[in-house]
N, C-alpha and C. Protein backbone atom coordinates (compact mmCIF):
# COMPACT_ATOMS: atom_id res chain seq x y z
N UNK A 1 0.79 -1.21 0.00
CA UNK A 1 0.00 0.00 0.00
C UNK A 1 0.83 1.27 0.00
N UNK A 2 2.10 1.22 0.40
CA UNK A 2 2.90 2.44 0.50
C UNK A 2 3.04 3.14 -0.84
N UNK A 3 3.04 2.41 -1.94
CA UNK A 3 3.24 3.03 -3.24
C UNK A 3 2.00 3.78 -3.73
N UNK A 4 0.83 3.46 -3.23
CA UNK A 4 -0.38 4.15 -3.68
C UNK A 4 -0.83 5.23 -2.70
N UNK A 5 -0.12 5.37 -1.60
CA UNK A 5 -0.49 6.33 -0.57
C UNK A 5 0.39 7.58 -0.69
N UNK A 6 -0.25 8.74 -0.63
CA UNK A 6 0.48 10.00 -0.68
C UNK A 6 0.16 10.81 0.57
N UNK A 7 1.10 11.63 0.98
CA UNK A 7 0.97 12.42 2.19
C UNK A 7 1.06 13.91 1.86
N UNK A 8 0.17 14.69 2.44
CA UNK A 8 0.27 16.15 2.42
C UNK A 8 0.60 16.57 3.84
N UNK A 9 1.69 17.32 3.99
CA UNK A 9 2.17 17.72 5.30
C UNK A 9 2.14 19.23 5.40
N UNK A 10 1.60 19.72 6.51
CA UNK A 10 1.54 21.17 6.76
C UNK A 10 2.15 21.45 8.13
N UNK A 11 3.02 22.45 8.18
CA UNK A 11 3.64 22.88 9.43
C UNK A 11 3.11 24.26 9.80
N UNK A 12 2.80 24.45 11.06
CA UNK A 12 2.48 25.76 11.61
C UNK A 12 3.40 25.92 12.82
N UNK A 13 4.29 26.90 12.77
CA UNK A 13 5.29 27.03 13.82
C UNK A 13 5.33 28.46 14.33
N UNK A 14 5.41 28.59 15.65
CA UNK A 14 5.49 29.90 16.29
C UNK A 14 6.14 29.75 17.65
N UNK A 15 6.61 30.86 18.18
CA UNK A 15 7.14 30.85 19.53
C UNK A 15 5.97 30.85 20.50
N UNK A 16 6.18 30.24 21.65
CA UNK A 16 5.16 30.25 22.69
C UNK A 16 5.39 31.47 23.58
N UNK A 17 4.55 31.63 24.58
CA UNK A 17 4.73 32.74 25.52
C UNK A 17 5.83 32.46 26.52
N UNK A 18 6.32 31.23 26.54
CA UNK A 18 7.41 30.87 27.44
C UNK A 18 8.73 31.11 26.70
N UNK A 19 9.62 31.90 27.25
CA UNK A 19 10.88 32.19 26.57
C UNK A 19 11.65 30.91 26.24
N UNK A 20 12.16 30.86 25.02
CA UNK A 20 12.96 29.72 24.59
C UNK A 20 12.19 28.56 24.01
N UNK A 21 10.86 28.68 23.91
CA UNK A 21 10.05 27.57 23.39
C UNK A 21 9.47 27.90 22.02
N UNK A 22 9.47 26.87 21.19
CA UNK A 22 8.82 26.94 19.87
C UNK A 22 7.80 25.83 19.82
N UNK A 23 6.61 26.14 19.30
CA UNK A 23 5.55 25.14 19.14
C UNK A 23 5.36 24.91 17.64
N UNK A 24 5.42 23.66 17.25
CA UNK A 24 5.22 23.28 15.86
C UNK A 24 4.03 22.34 15.78
N UNK A 25 3.04 22.71 15.00
CA UNK A 25 1.86 21.87 14.79
C UNK A 25 2.01 21.25 13.40
N UNK A 26 1.96 19.93 13.36
CA UNK A 26 2.11 19.20 12.11
C UNK A 26 0.79 18.52 11.78
N UNK A 27 0.30 18.75 10.57
CA UNK A 27 -0.91 18.10 10.09
C UNK A 27 -0.54 17.24 8.90
N UNK A 28 -0.91 15.97 8.96
CA UNK A 28 -0.64 15.04 7.86
C UNK A 28 -1.97 14.51 7.34
N UNK A 29 -2.23 14.74 6.06
CA UNK A 29 -3.39 14.17 5.39
C UNK A 29 -2.89 13.05 4.48
N UNK A 30 -3.53 11.92 4.54
CA UNK A 30 -3.13 10.75 3.77
C UNK A 30 -4.17 10.48 2.70
N UNK A 31 -3.70 10.31 1.47
CA UNK A 31 -4.58 10.11 0.32
C UNK A 31 -4.23 8.82 -0.39
N UNK A 32 -5.25 8.15 -0.92
CA UNK A 32 -5.04 7.00 -1.79
C UNK A 32 -5.04 7.55 -3.21
N UNK A 33 -3.93 7.33 -3.89
CA UNK A 33 -3.69 7.92 -5.22
C UNK A 33 -4.80 7.61 -6.23
N UNK A 34 -5.16 6.38 -6.35
CA UNK A 34 -6.09 5.94 -7.40
C UNK A 34 -7.46 6.61 -7.28
N UNK A 35 -7.92 6.84 -6.05
CA UNK A 35 -9.27 7.35 -5.85
C UNK A 35 -9.32 8.80 -5.40
N UNK A 36 -8.16 9.43 -5.24
CA UNK A 36 -8.09 10.80 -4.73
C UNK A 36 -8.92 10.95 -3.45
N UNK A 37 -8.81 9.96 -2.61
CA UNK A 37 -9.62 9.87 -1.41
C UNK A 37 -8.75 10.08 -0.18
N UNK A 38 -9.17 10.99 0.70
CA UNK A 38 -8.45 11.15 1.97
C UNK A 38 -8.86 10.02 2.90
N UNK A 39 -7.87 9.26 3.34
CA UNK A 39 -8.16 8.10 4.18
C UNK A 39 -7.69 8.28 5.61
N UNK A 40 -6.98 9.35 5.85
CA UNK A 40 -6.52 9.59 7.21
C UNK A 40 -6.02 11.01 7.38
N UNK A 41 -6.17 11.53 8.59
CA UNK A 41 -5.68 12.86 8.90
C UNK A 41 -5.30 12.87 10.38
N UNK A 42 -4.11 13.35 10.66
CA UNK A 42 -3.65 13.42 12.04
C UNK A 42 -2.94 14.74 12.24
N UNK A 43 -3.23 15.36 13.37
CA UNK A 43 -2.62 16.64 13.72
C UNK A 43 -2.02 16.49 15.11
N UNK A 44 -0.77 16.92 15.25
CA UNK A 44 -0.09 16.82 16.55
C UNK A 44 0.74 18.08 16.76
N UNK A 45 0.84 18.49 18.02
CA UNK A 45 1.62 19.68 18.38
C UNK A 45 2.84 19.24 19.16
N UNK A 46 3.96 19.86 18.85
CA UNK A 46 5.23 19.56 19.51
C UNK A 46 5.79 20.86 20.07
N UNK A 47 6.26 20.83 21.28
CA UNK A 47 6.90 21.99 21.89
C UNK A 47 8.37 21.66 22.09
N UNK A 48 9.22 22.53 21.56
CA UNK A 48 10.66 22.32 21.66
C UNK A 48 11.28 23.48 22.41
N UNK A 49 12.23 23.19 23.26
CA UNK A 49 12.91 24.23 24.04
C UNK A 49 14.32 24.46 23.52
N UNK A 50 14.72 25.72 23.49
CA UNK A 50 16.04 26.11 23.00
C UNK A 50 16.68 27.08 23.98
N UNK A 51 17.94 26.86 24.26
CA UNK A 51 18.70 27.80 25.08
C UNK A 51 19.02 29.03 24.24
N UNK A 52 18.84 30.19 24.81
CA UNK A 52 19.21 31.45 24.17
C UNK A 52 18.49 31.68 22.83
N UNK A 53 17.24 31.27 22.75
CA UNK A 53 16.47 31.47 21.52
C UNK A 53 16.35 32.95 21.18
N UNK A 54 16.27 33.78 22.20
CA UNK A 54 16.13 35.22 21.96
C UNK A 54 17.33 35.81 21.22
N UNK A 55 18.47 35.12 21.24
CA UNK A 55 19.66 35.62 20.56
C UNK A 55 19.65 35.33 19.06
N UNK A 56 18.75 34.46 18.60
CA UNK A 56 18.75 34.11 17.18
C UNK A 56 17.46 34.45 16.46
N UNK A 57 16.48 35.00 17.15
CA UNK A 57 15.23 35.39 16.50
C UNK A 57 15.26 36.87 16.15
N UNK A 58 14.48 37.23 15.15
CA UNK A 58 14.42 38.62 14.69
C UNK A 58 13.11 39.24 15.14
N UNK A 59 13.16 40.37 15.86
CA UNK A 59 11.92 41.02 16.28
C UNK A 59 11.13 41.56 15.08
N UNK A 60 9.82 41.43 15.15
CA UNK A 60 8.93 41.99 14.14
C UNK A 60 8.22 43.21 14.72
N UNK A 61 7.50 43.94 13.88
CA UNK A 61 6.84 45.17 14.31
C UNK A 61 5.81 44.96 15.42
N UNK A 62 5.08 43.86 15.38
CA UNK A 62 3.99 43.65 16.34
C UNK A 62 4.45 43.00 17.65
N UNK A 63 5.75 42.90 17.85
CA UNK A 63 6.24 42.34 19.10
C UNK A 63 6.58 40.87 19.02
N UNK A 64 6.04 40.17 18.00
CA UNK A 64 6.41 38.78 17.80
C UNK A 64 7.83 38.72 17.26
N UNK A 65 8.38 37.53 17.22
CA UNK A 65 9.71 37.36 16.68
C UNK A 65 9.68 36.34 15.56
N UNK A 66 10.43 36.66 14.51
CA UNK A 66 10.50 35.75 13.37
C UNK A 66 11.51 34.65 13.68
N UNK A 67 11.10 33.41 13.44
CA UNK A 67 11.98 32.27 13.65
C UNK A 67 12.85 32.12 12.39
N UNK A 68 14.16 32.12 12.55
CA UNK A 68 15.04 32.02 11.37
C UNK A 68 14.81 30.72 10.59
N UNK A 69 14.94 30.83 9.29
CA UNK A 69 14.74 29.68 8.41
C UNK A 69 15.67 28.53 8.77
N UNK A 70 16.91 28.84 9.15
CA UNK A 70 17.86 27.79 9.50
C UNK A 70 17.37 26.97 10.70
N UNK A 71 16.73 27.64 11.65
CA UNK A 71 16.20 26.93 12.81
C UNK A 71 14.98 26.09 12.41
N UNK A 72 14.12 26.64 11.56
CA UNK A 72 12.96 25.88 11.10
C UNK A 72 13.39 24.62 10.35
N UNK A 73 14.48 24.71 9.62
CA UNK A 73 14.97 23.55 8.88
C UNK A 73 15.51 22.47 9.80
N UNK A 74 15.69 22.81 11.06
CA UNK A 74 16.04 21.80 12.07
C UNK A 74 14.81 21.31 12.82
N UNK A 75 13.86 22.22 13.06
CA UNK A 75 12.63 21.89 13.79
C UNK A 75 11.74 20.95 12.96
N UNK A 76 11.55 21.24 11.68
CA UNK A 76 10.62 20.47 10.86
C UNK A 76 10.98 18.98 10.77
N UNK A 77 12.23 18.63 10.47
CA UNK A 77 12.53 17.18 10.41
C UNK A 77 12.34 16.48 11.75
N UNK A 78 12.65 17.17 12.83
CA UNK A 78 12.47 16.59 14.16
C UNK A 78 10.98 16.32 14.43
N UNK A 79 10.15 17.31 14.15
CA UNK A 79 8.70 17.14 14.35
C UNK A 79 8.14 16.07 13.41
N UNK A 80 8.63 16.06 12.18
CA UNK A 80 8.12 15.08 11.21
C UNK A 80 8.52 13.65 11.57
N UNK A 81 9.73 13.47 12.05
CA UNK A 81 10.14 12.11 12.43
C UNK A 81 9.34 11.61 13.63
N UNK A 82 9.01 12.52 14.55
CA UNK A 82 8.16 12.14 15.68
C UNK A 82 6.76 11.79 15.18
N UNK A 83 6.26 12.59 14.23
CA UNK A 83 4.95 12.33 13.64
C UNK A 83 4.93 10.99 12.92
N UNK A 84 6.04 10.62 12.30
CA UNK A 84 6.14 9.33 11.61
C UNK A 84 5.89 8.18 12.60
N UNK A 85 6.48 8.28 13.78
CA UNK A 85 6.28 7.26 14.80
C UNK A 85 4.85 7.22 15.31
N UNK A 86 4.23 8.40 15.45
CA UNK A 86 2.84 8.46 15.90
C UNK A 86 1.92 7.81 14.87
N UNK A 87 2.14 8.15 13.59
CA UNK A 87 1.32 7.55 12.53
C UNK A 87 1.48 6.04 12.50
N UNK A 88 2.70 5.58 12.61
CA UNK A 88 2.96 4.14 12.59
C UNK A 88 2.20 3.45 13.72
N UNK A 89 2.22 4.06 14.88
CA UNK A 89 1.52 3.50 16.04
C UNK A 89 0.01 3.53 15.85
N UNK A 90 -0.51 4.63 15.34
CA UNK A 90 -1.95 4.78 15.18
C UNK A 90 -2.52 3.88 14.09
N UNK A 91 -1.70 3.59 13.08
CA UNK A 91 -2.18 2.81 11.94
C UNK A 91 -1.96 1.32 12.09
N UNK A 92 -1.38 0.90 13.21
CA UNK A 92 -1.12 -0.53 13.39
C UNK A 92 -2.44 -1.30 13.27
N UNK A 93 -2.41 -2.35 12.47
CA UNK A 93 -3.59 -3.19 12.29
C UNK A 93 -4.53 -2.71 11.19
N UNK A 94 -4.16 -1.62 10.49
CA UNK A 94 -4.99 -1.13 9.38
C UNK A 94 -4.24 -1.34 8.07
N UNK A 95 -4.90 -1.07 6.96
CA UNK A 95 -4.24 -1.23 5.67
C UNK A 95 -3.13 -0.19 5.46
N UNK A 96 -3.09 0.84 6.31
CA UNK A 96 -2.05 1.86 6.20
C UNK A 96 -0.81 1.54 7.04
N UNK A 97 -0.80 0.40 7.71
CA UNK A 97 0.30 0.06 8.61
C UNK A 97 1.67 0.13 7.94
N UNK A 98 1.77 -0.27 6.69
CA UNK A 98 3.06 -0.26 5.99
C UNK A 98 3.29 1.00 5.17
N UNK A 99 2.39 1.96 5.25
CA UNK A 99 2.57 3.24 4.55
C UNK A 99 3.36 4.16 5.48
N UNK A 100 4.63 4.32 5.20
CA UNK A 100 5.52 5.07 6.07
C UNK A 100 5.69 6.49 5.53
N UNK A 101 5.48 7.45 6.38
CA UNK A 101 5.68 8.85 6.03
C UNK A 101 7.13 9.05 5.63
N UNK A 102 7.39 9.54 4.41
CA UNK A 102 8.78 9.67 3.96
C UNK A 102 9.53 10.76 4.71
N UNK A 103 10.87 10.71 4.59
CA UNK A 103 11.68 11.75 5.21
C UNK A 103 11.45 13.07 4.50
N UNK A 104 11.74 14.14 5.22
CA UNK A 104 11.53 15.48 4.70
C UNK A 104 12.64 15.86 3.72
N UNK A 105 12.24 16.32 2.54
CA UNK A 105 13.19 16.84 1.57
C UNK A 105 13.21 18.35 1.76
N UNK A 106 14.25 18.85 2.40
CA UNK A 106 14.32 20.28 2.75
C UNK A 106 14.27 21.17 1.51
N UNK A 107 14.68 20.65 0.36
CA UNK A 107 14.68 21.48 -0.84
C UNK A 107 13.27 21.76 -1.36
N UNK A 108 12.28 21.00 -0.89
CA UNK A 108 10.90 21.22 -1.35
C UNK A 108 10.10 22.12 -0.42
N UNK A 109 10.71 22.53 0.69
CA UNK A 109 9.99 23.39 1.63
C UNK A 109 9.83 24.80 1.07
N UNK A 110 8.67 25.36 1.29
CA UNK A 110 8.41 26.75 0.92
C UNK A 110 8.37 27.54 2.22
N UNK A 111 9.31 28.42 2.40
CA UNK A 111 9.40 29.20 3.62
C UNK A 111 8.70 30.54 3.40
N UNK A 112 7.76 30.84 4.29
CA UNK A 112 7.00 32.10 4.19
C UNK A 112 7.52 33.07 5.21
């Protein structure tokens, strides 16, 4: 089944109100290629702590801070690999059990 299953992954990442923390919400929608049918959707939030985060973020006009792209390129694979384990656990015993979420190709990321 892994060859007919496709994944759409969405990241939403922001700093929390706690200094040094970043929260990344990952949403994975799973589709069966032949039928264009969504067969699964899972959303999980991950909170990561960083020492001296304030030294590497850029302040924005509204008081929020922009998370540098280099840091996001480290956060996303970590969150995605954790999500891979969650999906594997949740899908055990279903036809999606062998459909493994692929590794993140950083070159395909669109940074906003």
